[in-house]
Amino acid sequence: MLEHGGDLTEVLHAGGVGIGGSAQLPSRHAEKFIEAIANIYAGLAAAIDGEAGLIDAEVPGVDAGLRSMTFVDAALQSSADREWRALTVET
């Protein structure tokens, strides 16, 4: 999404007219992948600007980040040790 100032906003889509090769999606990504990421960034920007109620509703918060990091850590340990690891998530 490009904001040109004033009320003019231009939305660009992958594979759209006027978009060069550098805007092509990486292989094996769904067509709407870029739009999904853009929605997350838009919500994050609104939360940073002070819009209330977005964290943990539309934008992942600290707790979601910690759960994700716990999962990734357990997966890496499991892979390194070549055995399953228990996943313990504190809430």
PDB file of N, CA and C in Angstrom:
ATOM      1  N   MET A   1       0.849  -1.149   0.000  1.00  0.00           N
ATOM      2  CA  MET A   1       0.000   0.000   0.000  1.00  0.00           C
ATOM      3  C   MET A   1       0.908   1.229   0.000  1.00  0.00           C
ATOM      4  N   LEU A   2       0.659   2.125  -0.897  1.00  0.00           N
ATOM      5  CA  LEU A   2       1.421   3.364  -0.993  1.00  0.00           C
ATOM      6  C   LEU A   2       0.512   4.534  -0.679  1.00  0.00           C
ATOM      7  N   GLU A   3       0.939   5.380   0.217  1.00  0.00           N
ATOM      8  CA  GLU A   3       0.193   6.588   0.523  1.00  0.00           C
ATOM      9  C   GLU A   3       0.930   7.746  -0.127  1.00  0.00           C
ATOM     10  N   HIS A   4       0.259   8.417  -1.044  1.00  0.00           N
ATOM     11  CA  HIS A   4       0.879   9.488  -1.814  1.00  0.00           C
ATOM     12  C   HIS A   4       0.664  10.857  -1.171  1.00  0.00           C
ATOM     13  N   GLY A   5       0.034  10.905  -0.019  1.00  0.00           N
ATOM     14  CA  GLY A   5      -0.261  12.173   0.634  1.00  0.00           C
ATOM     15  C   GLY A   5      -1.707  12.554   0.395  1.00  0.00           C
ATOM     16  N   GLY A   6      -2.234  13.303   1.315  1.00  0.00           N
ATOM     17  CA  GLY A   6      -3.638  13.682   1.181  1.00  0.00           C
ATOM     18  C   GLY A   6      -4.524  12.463   1.330  1.00  0.00           C
ATOM     19  N   ASP A   7      -5.510  12.361   0.468  1.00  0.00           N
ATOM     20  CA  ASP A   7      -6.443  11.242   0.522  1.00  0.00           C
ATOM     21  C   ASP A   7      -6.122  10.150  -0.486  1.00  0.00           C
ATOM     22  N   LEU A   8      -5.011  10.282  -1.211  1.00  0.00           N
ATOM     23  CA  LEU A   8      -4.691   9.328  -2.268  1.00  0.00           C
ATOM     24  C   LEU A   8      -3.877   8.163  -1.714  1.00  0.00           C
ATOM     25  N   THR A   9      -4.436   6.981  -1.804  1.00  0.00           N
ATOM     26  CA  THR A   9      -3.754   5.754  -1.398  1.00  0.00           C
ATOM     27  C   THR A   9      -3.847   4.772  -2.548  1.00  0.00           C
ATOM     28  N   GLU A  10      -2.738   4.131  -2.862  1.00  0.00           N
ATOM     29  CA  GLU A  10      -2.680   3.166  -3.958  1.00  0.00           C
ATOM     30  C   GLU A  10      -2.364   1.800  -3.378  1.00  0.00           C
ATOM     31  N   VAL A  11      -3.156   0.795  -3.715  1.00  0.00           N
ATOM     32  CA  VAL A  11      -2.942  -0.565  -3.251  1.00  0.00           C
ATOM     33  C   VAL A  11      -2.363  -1.374  -4.403  1.00  0.00           C
ATOM     34  N   LEU A  12      -1.185  -1.960  -4.189  1.00  0.00           N
ATOM     35  CA  LEU A  12      -0.530  -2.781  -5.201  1.00  0.00           C
ATOM     36  C   LEU A  12      -0.673  -4.243  -4.815  1.00  0.00           C
ATOM     37  N   HIS A  13      -0.907  -5.087  -5.781  1.00  0.00           N
ATOM     38  CA  HIS A  13      -1.043  -6.517  -5.547  1.00  0.00           C
ATOM     39  C   HIS A  13       0.022  -7.261  -6.337  1.00  0.00           C
ATOM     40  N   ALA A  14       0.482  -8.374  -5.760  1.00  0.00           N
ATOM     41  CA  ALA A  14       1.475  -9.198  -6.441  1.00  0.00           C
ATOM     42  C   ALA A  14       0.950  -9.622  -7.807  1.00  0.00           C
ATOM     43  N   GLY A  15       1.771  -9.504  -8.807  1.00  0.00           N
ATOM     44  CA  GLY A  15       1.393  -9.891 -10.153  1.00  0.00           C
ATOM     45  C   GLY A  15       0.528  -8.873 -10.856  1.00  0.00           C
ATOM     46  N   GLY A  16       0.282  -7.727 -10.213  1.00  0.00           N
ATOM     47  CA  GLY A  16      -0.562  -6.701 -10.810  1.00  0.00           C
ATOM     48  C   GLY A  16       0.160  -5.928 -11.900  1.00  0.00           C
ATOM     49  N   VAL A  17      -0.593  -5.148 -12.629  1.00  0.00           N
ATOM     50  CA  VAL A  17      -0.047  -4.331 -13.711  1.00  0.00           C
ATOM     51  C   VAL A  17       0.900  -3.302 -13.123  1.00  0.00           C
ATOM     52  N   GLY A  18       2.061  -3.138 -13.740  1.00  0.00           N
ATOM     53  CA  GLY A  18       3.011  -2.124 -13.322  1.00  0.00           C
ATOM     54  C   GLY A  18       3.944  -2.553 -12.217  1.00  0.00           C
ATOM     55  N   ILE A  19       3.854  -3.786 -11.769  1.00  0.00           N
ATOM     56  CA  ILE A  19       4.756  -4.275 -10.731  1.00  0.00           C
ATOM     57  C   ILE A  19       5.826  -5.128 -11.396  1.00  0.00           C
ATOM     58  N   GLY A  20       7.068  -4.771 -11.136  1.00  0.00           N
ATOM     59  CA  GLY A  20       8.182  -5.472 -11.756  1.00  0.00           C
ATOM     60  C   GLY A  20       8.467  -6.811 -11.121  1.00  0.00           C
ATOM     61  N   GLY A  21       9.488  -7.466 -11.623  1.00  0.00           N
ATOM     62  CA  GLY A  21       9.860  -8.796 -11.158  1.00  0.00           C
ATOM     63  C   GLY A  21      10.266  -8.845  -9.702  1.00  0.00           C
ATOM     64  N   SER A  22      10.759  -7.737  -9.139  1.00  0.00           N
ATOM     65  CA  SER A  22      11.198  -7.749  -7.756  1.00  0.00           C
ATOM     66  C   SER A  22      10.036  -7.919  -6.786  1.00  0.00           C
ATOM     67  N   ALA A  23       8.812  -7.718  -7.242  1.00  0.00           N
ATOM     68  CA  ALA A  23       7.648  -7.833  -6.371  1.00  0.00           C
ATOM     69  C   ALA A  23       7.021  -9.213  -6.429  1.00  0.00           C
ATOM     70  N   GLN A  24       7.610 -10.121  -7.149  1.00  0.00           N
ATOM     71  CA  GLN A  24       7.029 -11.453  -7.247  1.00  0.00           C
ATOM     72  C   GLN A  24       7.158 -12.178  -5.918  1.00  0.00           C
ATOM     73  N   LEU A  25       6.178 -13.027  -5.635  1.00  0.00           N
ATOM     74  CA  LEU A  25       6.189 -13.791  -4.400  1.00  0.00           C
ATOM     75  C   LEU A  25       7.257 -14.876  -4.447  1.00  0.00           C
ATOM     76  N   PRO A  26       7.827 -15.197  -3.282  1.00  0.00           N
ATOM     77  CA  PRO A  26       8.735 -16.342  -3.235  1.00  0.00           C
ATOM     78  C   PRO A  26       7.964 -17.610  -3.615  1.00  0.00           C
ATOM     79  N   SER A  27       8.660 -18.607  -4.100  1.00  0.00           N
ATOM     80  CA  SER A  27       7.977 -19.835  -4.504  1.00  0.00           C
ATOM     81  C   SER A  27       7.256 -20.456  -3.318  1.00  0.00           C
ATOM     82  N   ARG A  28       6.149 -21.086  -3.594  1.00  0.00           N
ATOM     83  CA  ARG A  28       5.309 -21.822  -2.654  1.00  0.00           C
ATOM     84  C   ARG A  28       4.546 -20.939  -1.670  1.00  0.00           C
ATOM     85  N   HIS A  29       4.465 -19.628  -1.885  1.00  0.00           N
ATOM     86  CA  HIS A  29       3.645 -18.777  -1.035  1.00  0.00           C
ATOM     87  C   HIS A  29       2.293 -18.564  -1.700  1.00  0.00           C
ATOM     88  N   ALA A  30       1.268 -18.555  -0.895  1.00  0.00           N
ATOM     89  CA  ALA A  30      -0.080 -18.318  -1.412  1.00  0.00           C
ATOM     90  C   ALA A  30      -0.154 -16.918  -2.007  1.00  0.00           C
ATOM     91  N   GLU A  31      -1.034 -16.726  -2.946  1.00  0.00           N
ATOM     92  CA  GLU A  31      -1.160 -15.444  -3.639  1.00  0.00           C
ATOM     93  C   GLU A  31      -1.446 -14.292  -2.685  1.00  0.00           C
ATOM     94  N   LYS A  32      -2.233 -14.519  -1.645  1.00  0.00           N
ATOM     95  CA  LYS A  32      -2.607 -13.450  -0.714  1.00  0.00           C
ATOM     96  C   LYS A  32      -1.655 -13.330   0.474  1.00  0.00           C
ATOM     97  N   PHE A  33      -0.499 -13.969   0.415  1.00  0.00           N
ATOM     98  CA  PHE A  33       0.477 -13.925   1.499  1.00  0.00           C
ATOM     99  C   PHE A  33       0.902 -12.495   1.822  1.00  0.00           C
ATOM    100  N   ILE A  34       1.225 -11.717   0.818  1.00  0.00           N
ATOM    101  CA  ILE A  34       1.682 -10.345   1.017  1.00  0.00           C
ATOM    102  C   ILE A  34       0.583  -9.506   1.667  1.00  0.00           C
ATOM    103  N   GLU A  35      -0.660  -9.669   1.237  1.00  0.00           N
ATOM    104  CA  GLU A  35      -1.761  -8.918   1.815  1.00  0.00           C
ATOM    105  C   GLU A  35      -1.965  -9.289   3.284  1.00  0.00           C
ATOM    106  N   ALA A  36      -1.795 -10.572   3.619  1.00  0.00           N
ATOM    107  CA  ALA A  36      -1.947 -11.005   5.009  1.00  0.00           C
ATOM    108  C   ALA A  36      -0.889 -10.354   5.894  1.00  0.00           C
ATOM    109  N   ILE A  37       0.345 -10.332   5.427  1.00  0.00           N
ATOM    110  CA  ILE A  37       1.421  -9.691   6.187  1.00  0.00           C
ATOM    111  C   ILE A  37       1.160  -8.191   6.295  1.00  0.00           C
ATOM    112  N   ALA A  38       0.666  -7.579   5.237  1.00  0.00           N
ATOM    113  CA  ALA A  38       0.356  -6.146   5.263  1.00  0.00           C
ATOM    114  C   ALA A  38      -0.708  -5.842   6.310  1.00  0.00           C
ATOM    115  N   ASN A  39      -1.693  -6.720   6.461  1.00  0.00           N
ATOM    116  CA  ASN A  39      -2.722  -6.512   7.477  1.00  0.00           C
ATOM    117  C   ASN A  39      -2.140  -6.557   8.885  1.00  0.00           C
ATOM    118  N   ILE A  40      -1.193  -7.468   9.119  1.00  0.00           N
ATOM    119  CA  ILE A  40      -0.543  -7.536  10.431  1.00  0.00           C
ATOM    120  C   ILE A  40       0.228  -6.243  10.696  1.00  0.00           C
ATOM    121  N   TYR A  41       0.989  -5.785   9.699  1.00  0.00           N
ATOM    122  CA  TYR A  41       1.755  -4.553   9.871  1.00  0.00           C
ATOM    123  C   TYR A  41       0.846  -3.349  10.075  1.00  0.00           C
ATOM    124  N   ALA A  42      -0.288  -3.301   9.399  1.00  0.00           N
ATOM    125  CA  ALA A  42      -1.225  -2.188   9.565  1.00  0.00           C
ATOM    126  C   ALA A  42      -1.775  -2.170  10.993  1.00  0.00           C
ATOM    127  N   GLY A  43      -2.122  -3.343  11.522  1.00  0.00           N
ATOM    128  CA  GLY A  43      -2.594  -3.429  12.896  1.00  0.00           C
ATOM    129  C   GLY A  43      -1.527  -3.038  13.892  1.00  0.00           C
ATOM    130  N   LEU A  44      -0.293  -3.473  13.639  1.00  0.00           N
ATOM    131  CA  LEU A  44       0.821  -3.119  14.513  1.00  0.00           C
ATOM    132  C   LEU A  44       1.056  -1.616  14.506  1.00  0.00           C
ATOM    133  N   ALA A  45       1.014  -1.005  13.334  1.00  0.00           N
ATOM    134  CA  ALA A  45       1.204   0.444  13.229  1.00  0.00           C
ATOM    135  C   ALA A  45       0.106   1.185  13.989  1.00  0.00           C
ATOM    136  N   ALA A  46      -1.127   0.706  13.891  1.00  0.00           N
ATOM    137  CA  ALA A  46      -2.234   1.344  14.612  1.00  0.00           C
ATOM    138  C   ALA A  46      -2.039   1.206  16.126  1.00  0.00           C
ATOM    139  N   ALA A  47      -1.561   0.040  16.570  1.00  0.00           N
ATOM    140  CA  ALA A  47      -1.310  -0.163  18.001  1.00  0.00           C
ATOM    141  C   ALA A  47      -0.194   0.752  18.483  1.00  0.00           C
ATOM    142  N   ILE A  48       0.859   0.906  17.680  1.00  0.00           N
ATOM    143  CA  ILE A  48       1.953   1.802  18.041  1.00  0.00           C
ATOM    144  C   ILE A  48       1.460   3.239  18.109  1.00  0.00           C
ATOM    145  N   ASP A  49       0.540   3.598  17.229  1.00  0.00           N
ATOM    146  CA  ASP A  49      -0.032   4.948  17.231  1.00  0.00           C
ATOM    147  C   ASP A  49      -0.995   5.174  18.400  1.00  0.00           C
ATOM    148  N   GLY A  50      -1.277   4.121  19.175  1.00  0.00           N
ATOM    149  CA  GLY A  50      -2.089   4.282  20.371  1.00  0.00           C
ATOM    150  C   GLY A  50      -3.512   3.784  20.276  1.00  0.00           C
ATOM    151  N   GLU A  51      -3.889   3.165  19.175  1.00  0.00           N
ATOM    152  CA  GLU A  51      -5.255   2.637  19.070  1.00  0.00           C
ATOM    153  C   GLU A  51      -5.423   1.496  20.072  1.00  0.00           C
ATOM    154  N   ALA A  52      -6.425   1.599  20.917  1.00  0.00           N
ATOM    155  CA  ALA A  52      -6.625   0.641  21.996  1.00  0.00           C
ATOM    156  C   ALA A  52      -7.270  -0.651  21.503  1.00  0.00           C
ATOM    157  N   GLY A  53      -6.990  -1.739  22.222  1.00  0.00           N
ATOM    158  CA  GLY A  53      -7.668  -3.009  22.003  1.00  0.00           C
ATOM    159  C   GLY A  53      -7.131  -3.867  20.878  1.00  0.00           C
ATOM    160  N   LEU A  54      -6.009  -3.510  20.280  1.00  0.00           N
ATOM    161  CA  LEU A  54      -5.499  -4.287  19.150  1.00  0.00           C
ATOM    162  C   LEU A  54      -4.554  -5.410  19.577  1.00  0.00           C
ATOM    163  N   ILE A  55      -3.753  -5.166  20.621  1.00  0.00           N
ATOM    164  CA  ILE A  55      -2.796  -6.175  21.059  1.00  0.00           C
ATOM    165  C   ILE A  55      -3.562  -7.383  21.576  1.00  0.00           C
ATOM    166  N   ASP A  56      -3.187  -8.549  21.128  1.00  0.00           N
ATOM    167  CA  ASP A  56      -3.790  -9.852  21.417  1.00  0.00           C
ATOM    168  C   ASP A  56      -5.153 -10.040  20.770  1.00  0.00           C
ATOM    169  N   ALA A  57      -5.722  -9.005  20.162  1.00  0.00           N
ATOM    170  CA  ALA A  57      -6.975  -9.172  19.422  1.00  0.00           C
ATOM    171  C   ALA A  57      -6.661  -9.317  17.945  1.00  0.00           C
ATOM    172  N   GLU A  58      -5.946  -8.346  17.374  1.00  0.00           N
ATOM    173  CA  GLU A  58      -5.566  -8.393  15.963  1.00  0.00           C
ATOM    174  C   GLU A  58      -4.068  -8.588  15.787  1.00  0.00           C
ATOM    175  N   VAL A  59      -3.302  -8.057  16.723  1.00  0.00           N
ATOM    176  CA  VAL A  59      -1.842  -8.115  16.640  1.00  0.00           C
ATOM    177  C   VAL A  59      -1.342  -9.014  17.764  1.00  0.00           C
ATOM    178  N   PRO A  60      -0.504 -10.006  17.445  1.00  0.00           N
ATOM    179  CA  PRO A  60       0.014 -10.875  18.502  1.00  0.00           C
ATOM    180  C   PRO A  60       0.768 -10.067  19.555  1.00  0.00           C
ATOM    181  N   GLY A  61       0.517 -10.379  20.814  1.00  0.00           N
ATOM    182  CA  GLY A  61       1.184  -9.683  21.903  1.00  0.00           C
ATOM    183  C   GLY A  61       2.378 -10.458  22.420  1.00  0.00           C
ATOM    184  N   VAL A  62       2.878 -10.035  23.564  1.00  0.00           N
ATOM    185  CA  VAL A  62       4.057 -10.639  24.164  1.00  0.00           C
ATOM    186  C   VAL A  62       3.812 -12.104  24.501  1.00  0.00           C
ATOM    187  N   ASP A  63       2.640 -12.421  25.061  1.00  0.00           N
ATOM    188  CA  ASP A  63       2.350 -13.813  25.425  1.00  0.00           C
ATOM    189  C   ASP A  63       2.388 -14.737  24.208  1.00  0.00           C
ATOM    190  N   ALA A  64       1.818 -14.288  23.098  1.00  0.00           N
ATOM    191  CA  ALA A  64       1.850 -15.096  21.873  1.00  0.00           C
ATOM    192  C   ALA A  64       3.286 -15.262  21.382  1.00  0.00           C
ATOM    193  N   GLY A  65       4.082 -14.212  21.493  1.00  0.00           N
ATOM    194  CA  GLY A  65       5.481 -14.290  21.094  1.00  0.00           C
ATOM    195  C   GLY A  65       6.259 -15.279  21.948  1.00  0.00           C
ATOM    196  N   LEU A  66       6.023 -15.254  23.254  1.00  0.00           N
ATOM    197  CA  LEU A  66       6.709 -16.192  24.148  1.00  0.00           C
ATOM    198  C   LEU A  66       6.304 -17.637  23.868  1.00  0.00           C
ATOM    199  N   ARG A  67       5.002 -17.855  23.591  1.00  0.00           N
ATOM    200  CA  ARG A  67       4.559 -19.215  23.235  1.00  0.00           C
ATOM    201  C   ARG A  67       5.242 -19.686  21.960  1.00  0.00           C
ATOM    202  N   SER A  68       5.365 -18.803  20.981  1.00  0.00           N
ATOM    203  CA  SER A  68       6.012 -19.160  19.719  1.00  0.00           C
ATOM    204  C   SER A  68       7.490 -19.481  19.932  1.00  0.00           C
ATOM    205  N   MET A  69       8.152 -18.664  20.746  1.00  0.00           N
ATOM    206  CA  MET A  69       9.576 -18.898  21.022  1.00  0.00           C
ATOM    207  C   MET A  69       9.787 -20.207  21.779  1.00  0.00           C
ATOM    208  N   THR A  70       8.878 -20.524  22.700  1.00  0.00           N
ATOM    209  CA  THR A  70       8.956 -21.779  23.438  1.00  0.00           C
ATOM    210  C   THR A  70       8.814 -22.962  22.494  1.00  0.00           C
ATOM    211  N   PHE A  71       7.891 -22.868  21.552  1.00  0.00           N
ATOM    212  CA  PHE A  71       7.703 -23.929  20.566  1.00  0.00           C
ATOM    213  C   PHE A  71       8.950 -24.117  19.702  1.00  0.00           C
ATOM    214  N   VAL A  72       9.489 -23.009  19.197  1.00  0.00           N
ATOM    215  CA  VAL A  72      10.672 -23.087  18.325  1.00  0.00           C
ATOM    216  C   VAL A  72      11.852 -23.666  19.093  1.00  0.00           C
ATOM    217  N   ASP A  73      12.040 -23.240  20.351  1.00  0.00           N
ATOM    218  CA  ASP A  73      13.133 -23.764  21.166  1.00  0.00           C
ATOM    219  C   ASP A  73      12.992 -25.270  21.363  1.00  0.00           C
ATOM    220  N   ALA A  74      11.781 -25.731  21.686  1.00  0.00           N
ATOM    221  CA  ALA A  74      11.550 -27.168  21.872  1.00  0.00           C
ATOM    222  C   ALA A  74      11.782 -27.932  20.572  1.00  0.00           C
ATOM    223  N   ALA A  75      11.360 -27.357  19.448  1.00  0.00           N
ATOM    224  CA  ALA A  75      11.569 -28.023  18.152  1.00  0.00           C
ATOM    225  C   ALA A  75      13.057 -28.141  17.833  1.00  0.00           C
ATOM    226  N   LEU A  76      13.820 -27.090  18.091  1.00  0.00           N
ATOM    227  CA  LEU A  76      15.265 -27.132  17.831  1.00  0.00           C
ATOM    228  C   LEU A  76      15.961 -28.141  18.740  1.00  0.00           C
ATOM    229  N   GLN A  77      15.592 -28.174  20.017  1.00  0.00           N
ATOM    230  CA  GLN A  77      16.179 -29.148  20.938  1.00  0.00           C
ATOM    231  C   GLN A  77      15.828 -30.568  20.522  1.00  0.00           C
ATOM    232  N   SER A  78      14.575 -30.759  20.141  1.00  0.00           N
ATOM    233  CA  SER A  78      14.120 -32.069  19.701  1.00  0.00           C
ATOM    234  C   SER A  78      14.896 -32.532  18.473  1.00  0.00           C
ATOM    235  N   SER A  79      15.124 -31.632  17.540  1.00  0.00           N
ATOM    236  CA  SER A  79      15.865 -31.970  16.338  1.00  0.00           C
ATOM    237  C   SER A  79      17.321 -32.292  16.657  1.00  0.00           C
ATOM    238  N   ALA A  80      17.938 -31.478  17.512  1.00  0.00           N
ATOM    239  CA  ALA A  80      19.349 -31.697  17.859  1.00  0.00           C
ATOM    240  C   ALA A  80      19.553 -33.010  18.604  1.00  0.00           C
ATOM    241  N   ASP A  81      18.621 -33.350  19.488  1.00  0.00           N
ATOM    242  CA  ASP A  81      18.748 -34.570  20.297  1.00  0.00           C
ATOM    243  C   ASP A  81      18.156 -35.796  19.612  1.00  0.00           C
ATOM    244  N   ARG A  82      17.482 -35.566  18.485  1.00  0.00           N
ATOM    245  CA  ARG A  82      16.837 -36.650  17.723  1.00  0.00           C
ATOM    246  C   ARG A  82      15.844 -37.413  18.585  1.00  0.00           C
ATOM    247  N   GLU A  83      15.108 -36.687  19.439  1.00  0.00           N
ATOM    248  CA  GLU A  83      14.042 -37.278  20.246  1.00  0.00           C
ATOM    249  C   GLU A  83      13.010 -36.203  20.553  1.00  0.00           C
ATOM    250  N   TRP A  84      11.786 -36.659  20.856  1.00  0.00           N
ATOM    251  CA  TRP A  84      10.706 -35.725  21.145  1.00  0.00           C
ATOM    252  C   TRP A  84      10.971 -35.003  22.447  1.00  0.00           C
ATOM    253  N   ARG A  85      10.618 -33.750  22.484  1.00  0.00           N
ATOM    254  CA  ARG A  85      10.694 -32.936  23.704  1.00  0.00           C
ATOM    255  C   ARG A  85       9.292 -32.546  24.116  1.00  0.00           C
ATOM    256  N   ALA A  86       9.070 -32.532  25.435  1.00  0.00           N
ATOM    257  CA  ALA A  86       7.775 -32.060  25.936  1.00  0.00           C
ATOM    258  C   ALA A  86       7.697 -30.554  25.746  1.00  0.00           C
ATOM    259  N   LEU A  87       6.549 -30.074  25.413  1.00  0.00           N
ATOM    260  CA  LEU A  87       6.340 -28.646  25.214  1.00  0.00           C
ATOM    261  C   LEU A  87       5.511 -28.148  26.393  1.00  0.00           C
ATOM    262  N   THR A  88       6.128 -27.308  27.226  1.00  0.00           N
ATOM    263  CA  THR A  88       5.468 -26.751  28.383  1.00  0.00           C
ATOM    264  C   THR A  88       5.281 -25.267  28.153  1.00  0.00           C
ATOM    265  N   VAL A  89       4.020 -24.835  28.135  1.00  0.00           N
ATOM    266  CA  VAL A  89       3.717 -23.424  27.902  1.00  0.00           C
ATOM    267  C   VAL A  89       3.021 -22.888  29.132  1.00  0.00           C
ATOM    268  N   GLU A  90       3.628 -21.854  29.728  1.00  0.00           N
ATOM    269  CA  GLU A  90       3.025 -21.212  30.884  1.00  0.00           C
ATOM    270  C   GLU A  90       2.086 -20.122  30.391  1.00  0.00           C
ATOM    271  N   THR A  91       0.914 -20.037  31.034  1.00  0.00           N
ATOM    272  CA  THR A  91      -0.050 -19.002  30.643  1.00  0.00           C
ATOM    273  C   THR A  91      -0.256 -18.006  31.744  1.00  0.00           C
TER     274      THR A  91
END
